[in-house]
């Protein structure tokens, strides 16, 4: 598998951190993910690998191509609603980049 572009690697770190915060708070397993959260993380990372925009991508919420299954998309929204506010103090650099990545205009798929 080719090496990720820094933008995709950062997005992988961000979603992994958000899922970790959510799982720790909701399921109480410490640093270990529960099976459902691990499945969600693996799904999200696989979607990032297949993203047609790669380094030019905006955040998934602003994307014109929604590649998540509806149930998984709803679960990620729940995770982000819970973890998003906590990212500023738990992972401030990732939160900063995610904020600015969300300001990028979505590109059209060619």
N, C-alpha and C. Protein backbone atom coordinates (compact mmCIF):
# COMPACT_ATOMS: atom_id res chain seq x y z
N UNK A 1 0.85 -1.18 0.00
CA UNK A 1 0.00 0.00 0.00
C UNK A 1 0.89 1.24 0.00
N UNK A 2 0.58 2.24 -0.85
CA UNK A 2 1.39 3.44 -0.90
C UNK A 2 1.27 4.24 0.39
N UNK A 3 2.30 5.02 0.67
CA UNK A 3 2.29 5.84 1.87
C UNK A 3 1.24 6.94 1.75
N UNK A 4 0.60 7.23 2.85
CA UNK A 4 -0.45 8.25 2.86
C UNK A 4 0.13 9.65 2.67
N UNK A 5 -0.66 10.50 2.09
CA UNK A 5 -0.35 11.92 2.04
C UNK A 5 -0.51 12.46 3.47
N UNK A 6 0.25 13.47 3.86
CA UNK A 6 0.14 14.01 5.22
C UNK A 6 -1.29 14.42 5.61
N UNK A 7 -2.05 14.90 4.67
CA UNK A 7 -3.44 15.31 4.95
C UNK A 7 -4.28 14.11 5.37
N UNK A 8 -4.12 12.99 4.68
CA UNK A 8 -4.89 11.78 5.02
C UNK A 8 -4.40 11.21 6.35
N UNK A 9 -3.11 11.22 6.58
CA UNK A 9 -2.57 10.73 7.86
C UNK A 9 -3.13 11.56 9.02
N UNK A 10 -3.20 12.85 8.84
CA UNK A 10 -3.73 13.73 9.88
C UNK A 10 -5.22 13.44 10.11
N UNK A 11 -5.95 13.21 9.04
CA UNK A 11 -7.37 12.89 9.17
C UNK A 11 -7.56 11.54 9.89
N UNK A 12 -6.68 10.57 9.60
CA UNK A 12 -6.73 9.28 10.29
C UNK A 12 -6.47 9.47 11.78
N UNK A 13 -5.50 10.29 12.12
CA UNK A 13 -5.19 10.56 13.53
C UNK A 13 -6.36 11.25 14.23
N UNK A 14 -7.01 12.16 13.52
CA UNK A 14 -8.12 12.91 14.10
C UNK A 14 -9.30 11.99 14.38
N UNK A 15 -9.71 11.19 13.40
CA UNK A 15 -10.87 10.33 13.62
C UNK A 15 -10.55 9.27 14.68
N UNK A 16 -9.32 8.77 14.69
CA UNK A 16 -8.94 7.79 15.71
C UNK A 16 -8.99 8.41 17.11
N UNK A 17 -8.52 9.64 17.25
CA UNK A 17 -8.55 10.32 18.55
C UNK A 17 -9.99 10.56 19.00
N UNK A 18 -10.84 10.97 18.07
CA UNK A 18 -12.24 11.22 18.42
C UNK A 18 -12.94 9.94 18.87
N UNK A 19 -12.70 8.85 18.16
CA UNK A 19 -13.31 7.58 18.54
C UNK A 19 -12.77 7.11 19.88
N UNK A 20 -11.49 7.32 20.14
CA UNK A 20 -10.91 6.94 21.44
C UNK A 20 -11.54 7.71 22.59
N UNK A 21 -11.73 9.01 22.41
CA UNK A 21 -12.37 9.84 23.44
C UNK A 21 -13.79 9.34 23.69
N UNK A 22 -14.53 9.13 22.61
CA UNK A 22 -15.92 8.68 22.72
C UNK A 22 -15.99 7.34 23.45
N UNK A 23 -15.19 6.38 23.02
CA UNK A 23 -15.24 5.04 23.60
C UNK A 23 -14.85 5.06 25.07
N UNK A 24 -13.80 5.79 25.40
CA UNK A 24 -13.35 5.88 26.79
C UNK A 24 -14.47 6.46 27.67
N UNK A 25 -15.13 7.52 27.18
CA UNK A 25 -16.18 8.17 27.96
C UNK A 25 -17.47 7.34 28.03
N UNK A 26 -17.84 6.71 26.95
CA UNK A 26 -19.12 5.99 26.89
C UNK A 26 -19.03 4.54 27.31
N UNK A 27 -17.91 3.89 27.04
CA UNK A 27 -17.82 2.44 27.27
C UNK A 27 -16.83 2.08 28.37
N UNK A 28 -16.03 3.04 28.83
CA UNK A 28 -15.19 2.88 30.00
C UNK A 28 -14.14 1.79 29.96
N UNK A 29 -13.53 1.55 28.82
CA UNK A 29 -12.51 0.51 28.73
C UNK A 29 -11.09 1.09 28.77
N UNK A 30 -10.94 2.31 29.21
CA UNK A 30 -9.61 2.93 29.25
C UNK A 30 -9.11 3.23 27.86
N UNK A 31 -7.86 2.86 27.60
CA UNK A 31 -7.25 3.15 26.30
C UNK A 31 -7.62 2.13 25.22
N UNK A 32 -8.29 1.07 25.62
CA UNK A 32 -8.67 0.02 24.67
C UNK A 32 -10.05 0.34 24.09
N UNK A 33 -10.22 0.14 22.78
CA UNK A 33 -11.51 0.35 22.14
C UNK A 33 -12.39 -0.88 22.31
N UNK A 34 -13.69 -0.66 22.49
CA UNK A 34 -14.64 -1.77 22.49
C UNK A 34 -14.76 -2.28 21.05
N UNK A 35 -15.31 -3.46 20.85
CA UNK A 35 -15.42 -4.01 19.48
C UNK A 35 -16.21 -3.10 18.52
N UNK A 36 -17.28 -2.48 18.99
CA UNK A 36 -18.08 -1.62 18.11
C UNK A 36 -17.29 -0.39 17.68
N UNK A 37 -16.57 0.21 18.61
CA UNK A 37 -15.77 1.40 18.27
C UNK A 37 -14.57 1.03 17.41
N UNK A 38 -14.00 -0.13 17.65
CA UNK A 38 -12.90 -0.59 16.81
C UNK A 38 -13.39 -0.82 15.37
N UNK A 39 -14.57 -1.39 15.24
CA UNK A 39 -15.16 -1.58 13.91
C UNK A 39 -15.40 -0.24 13.21
N UNK A 40 -15.91 0.73 13.96
CA UNK A 40 -16.15 2.06 13.40
C UNK A 40 -14.84 2.71 12.96
N UNK A 41 -13.81 2.61 13.80
CA UNK A 41 -12.51 3.18 13.44
C UNK A 41 -11.94 2.52 12.19
N UNK A 42 -12.00 1.21 12.13
CA UNK A 42 -11.49 0.50 10.95
C UNK A 42 -12.25 0.89 9.70
N UNK A 43 -13.57 1.05 9.83
CA UNK A 43 -14.40 1.46 8.70
C UNK A 43 -14.01 2.87 8.24
N UNK A 44 -13.88 3.79 9.18
CA UNK A 44 -13.52 5.17 8.85
C UNK A 44 -12.15 5.24 8.17
N UNK A 45 -11.19 4.47 8.69
CA UNK A 45 -9.85 4.48 8.09
C UNK A 45 -9.88 3.89 6.69
N UNK A 46 -10.69 2.87 6.46
CA UNK A 46 -10.78 2.29 5.12
C UNK A 46 -11.42 3.28 4.14
N UNK A 47 -12.38 4.04 4.62
CA UNK A 47 -13.02 5.07 3.77
C UNK A 47 -12.01 6.16 3.41
N UNK A 48 -11.16 6.55 4.35
CA UNK A 48 -10.15 7.55 4.06
C UNK A 48 -9.17 7.06 3.00
N UNK A 49 -8.80 5.79 3.08
CA UNK A 49 -7.87 5.23 2.09
C UNK A 49 -8.46 5.27 0.69
N UNK A 50 -9.77 5.18 0.59
CA UNK A 50 -10.45 5.14 -0.71
C UNK A 50 -10.98 6.51 -1.15
N UNK A 51 -10.73 7.54 -0.36
CA UNK A 51 -11.24 8.88 -0.69
C UNK A 51 -10.70 9.33 -2.04
N UNK A 52 -11.58 9.72 -2.96
CA UNK A 52 -11.11 10.15 -4.27
C UNK A 52 -10.38 11.48 -4.27
N UNK A 53 -10.53 12.27 -3.21
CA UNK A 53 -9.91 13.59 -3.16
C UNK A 53 -8.52 13.57 -2.53
N UNK A 54 -8.25 12.59 -1.66
CA UNK A 54 -6.98 12.44 -0.96
C UNK A 54 -6.50 13.76 -0.37
N UNK A 55 -5.34 14.27 -0.77
CA UNK A 55 -4.78 15.45 -0.12
C UNK A 55 -5.60 16.72 -0.33
N UNK A 56 -6.49 16.73 -1.30
CA UNK A 56 -7.31 17.91 -1.56
C UNK A 56 -8.65 17.85 -0.84
N UNK A 57 -8.84 16.86 0.02
CA UNK A 57 -10.15 16.68 0.64
C UNK A 57 -10.43 17.74 1.69
N UNK A 58 -11.70 18.02 1.84
CA UNK A 58 -12.18 18.83 2.95
C UNK A 58 -12.55 17.85 4.06
N UNK A 59 -13.20 18.30 5.10
CA UNK A 59 -13.68 17.34 6.10
C UNK A 59 -14.84 16.57 5.49
N UNK A 60 -15.07 15.38 5.99
CA UNK A 60 -16.12 14.52 5.42
C UNK A 60 -17.50 15.19 5.51
N UNK A 61 -17.74 15.95 6.56
CA UNK A 61 -19.03 16.61 6.73
C UNK A 61 -19.31 17.60 5.59
N UNK A 62 -18.28 18.17 5.02
CA UNK A 62 -18.44 19.16 3.95
C UNK A 62 -18.26 18.57 2.55
N UNK A 63 -18.02 17.29 2.47
CA UNK A 63 -17.71 16.65 1.19
C UNK A 63 -18.97 16.48 0.35
N UNK A 64 -18.81 16.55 -0.95
CA UNK A 64 -19.92 16.33 -1.87
C UNK A 64 -20.17 14.87 -2.15
N UNK A 65 -19.20 14.02 -1.85
CA UNK A 65 -19.33 12.59 -2.06
C UNK A 65 -19.37 11.93 -0.68
N UNK A 66 -20.52 11.38 -0.32
CA UNK A 66 -20.64 10.74 0.99
C UNK A 66 -20.47 9.24 0.82
N UNK A 67 -19.33 8.76 1.25
CA UNK A 67 -18.98 7.36 1.00
C UNK A 67 -19.26 6.45 2.19
N UNK A 68 -19.79 7.00 3.28
CA UNK A 68 -20.14 6.17 4.44
C UNK A 68 -21.54 5.60 4.25
N UNK A 69 -21.75 4.37 4.74
CA UNK A 69 -23.10 3.81 4.82
C UNK A 69 -23.88 4.68 5.79
N UNK A 70 -25.18 4.84 5.59
CA UNK A 70 -25.96 5.73 6.47
C UNK A 70 -25.81 5.42 7.96
N UNK A 71 -25.82 4.16 8.35
CA UNK A 71 -25.70 3.81 9.78
C UNK A 71 -24.34 4.21 10.33
N UNK A 72 -23.29 4.01 9.55
CA UNK A 72 -21.94 4.38 10.00
C UNK A 72 -21.79 5.90 10.04
N UNK A 73 -22.40 6.57 9.09
CA UNK A 73 -22.34 8.03 9.08
C UNK A 73 -23.01 8.59 10.34
N UNK A 74 -24.15 8.03 10.71
CA UNK A 74 -24.84 8.47 11.92
C UNK A 74 -23.99 8.23 13.16
N UNK A 75 -23.31 7.10 13.19
CA UNK A 75 -22.46 6.78 14.34
C UNK A 75 -21.28 7.75 14.43
N UNK A 76 -20.67 8.07 13.29
CA UNK A 76 -19.56 9.02 13.28
C UNK A 76 -20.04 10.41 13.72
N UNK A 77 -21.22 10.80 13.29
CA UNK A 77 -21.78 12.08 13.74
C UNK A 77 -21.93 12.11 15.26
N UNK A 78 -22.42 11.01 15.82
CA UNK A 78 -22.58 10.91 17.27
C UNK A 78 -21.22 11.02 17.97
N UNK A 79 -20.23 10.33 17.43
CA UNK A 79 -18.87 10.38 17.99
C UNK A 79 -18.34 11.81 17.92
N UNK A 80 -18.51 12.47 16.80
CA UNK A 80 -17.98 13.83 16.63
C UNK A 80 -18.71 14.84 17.52
N UNK A 81 -20.01 14.67 17.69
CA UNK A 81 -20.74 15.57 18.58
C UNK A 81 -20.22 15.45 20.01
N UNK A 82 -19.91 14.24 20.41
CA UNK A 82 -19.41 14.02 21.76
C UNK A 82 -17.94 14.47 21.90
N UNK A 83 -17.12 14.06 20.96
CA UNK A 83 -15.67 14.26 21.07
C UNK A 83 -15.18 15.61 20.58
N UNK A 84 -15.89 16.21 19.64
CA UNK A 84 -15.45 17.47 19.05
C UNK A 84 -15.08 18.53 20.05
N UNK A 85 -15.97 18.84 21.00
CA UNK A 85 -15.64 19.87 21.99
C UNK A 85 -14.43 19.51 22.86
N UNK A 86 -14.19 18.24 23.07
CA UNK A 86 -13.08 17.81 23.92
C UNK A 86 -11.75 17.81 23.19
N UNK A 87 -11.80 17.83 21.87
CA UNK A 87 -10.57 17.80 21.08
C UNK A 87 -9.70 19.02 21.32
N UNK A 88 -10.31 20.17 21.59
CA UNK A 88 -9.55 21.41 21.76
C UNK A 88 -8.54 21.32 22.90
N UNK A 89 -8.88 20.59 23.96
CA UNK A 89 -7.91 20.48 25.05
C UNK A 89 -7.21 19.13 25.12
N UNK A 90 -7.77 18.08 24.52
CA UNK A 90 -7.09 16.78 24.53
C UNK A 90 -6.12 16.63 23.36
N UNK A 91 -6.47 17.20 22.21
CA UNK A 91 -5.63 17.12 21.01
C UNK A 91 -5.72 18.47 20.28
N UNK A 92 -5.16 19.53 20.86
CA UNK A 92 -5.36 20.87 20.29
C UNK A 92 -4.82 21.05 18.87
N UNK A 93 -3.72 20.43 18.54
CA UNK A 93 -3.17 20.60 17.19
C UNK A 93 -4.07 19.93 16.16
N UNK A 94 -4.53 18.71 16.45
CA UNK A 94 -5.45 18.04 15.53
C UNK A 94 -6.74 18.84 15.39
N UNK A 95 -7.23 19.38 16.50
CA UNK A 95 -8.46 20.19 16.47
C UNK A 95 -8.25 21.43 15.61
N UNK A 96 -7.12 22.07 15.75
CA UNK A 96 -6.80 23.26 14.96
C UNK A 96 -6.81 22.95 13.47
N UNK A 97 -6.11 21.90 13.08
CA UNK A 97 -6.06 21.53 11.67
C UNK A 97 -7.44 21.10 11.16
N UNK A 98 -8.18 20.37 11.96
CA UNK A 98 -9.51 19.92 11.54
C UNK A 98 -10.43 21.12 11.30
N UNK A 99 -10.32 22.12 12.17
CA UNK A 99 -11.11 23.34 12.01
C UNK A 99 -10.81 24.00 10.66
N UNK A 100 -9.53 24.16 10.34
CA UNK A 100 -9.16 24.82 9.10
C UNK A 100 -9.40 23.94 7.87
N UNK A 101 -9.24 22.63 8.02
CA UNK A 101 -9.56 21.74 6.90
C UNK A 101 -11.05 21.83 6.56
N UNK A 102 -11.88 22.04 7.57
CA UNK A 102 -13.32 22.18 7.36
C UNK A 102 -13.69 23.46 6.64
N UNK A 103 -12.80 24.40 6.58
CA UNK A 103 -13.05 25.67 5.88
C UNK A 103 -12.74 25.58 4.38
N UNK A 104 -12.07 24.50 3.97
CA UNK A 104 -11.78 24.33 2.55
C UNK A 104 -13.06 24.11 1.78
N UNK A 105 -13.10 24.66 0.60
CA UNK A 105 -14.25 24.44 -0.25
C UNK A 105 -14.22 23.03 -0.82
N UNK A 106 -15.36 22.34 -0.84
CA UNK A 106 -15.38 21.01 -1.41
C UNK A 106 -15.09 21.05 -2.90
N UNK A 107 -14.29 20.11 -3.35
CA UNK A 107 -13.96 20.05 -4.77
C UNK A 107 -14.93 19.14 -5.47
N UNK A 108 -15.06 19.36 -6.75
CA UNK A 108 -15.90 18.47 -7.57
C UNK A 108 -15.09 17.27 -7.98
N UNK A 109 -15.75 16.13 -8.00
CA UNK A 109 -15.09 14.91 -8.46
C UNK A 109 -15.02 14.96 -9.97
N UNK A 110 -13.83 14.73 -10.51
CA UNK A 110 -13.66 14.87 -11.96
C UNK A 110 -13.86 13.58 -12.68
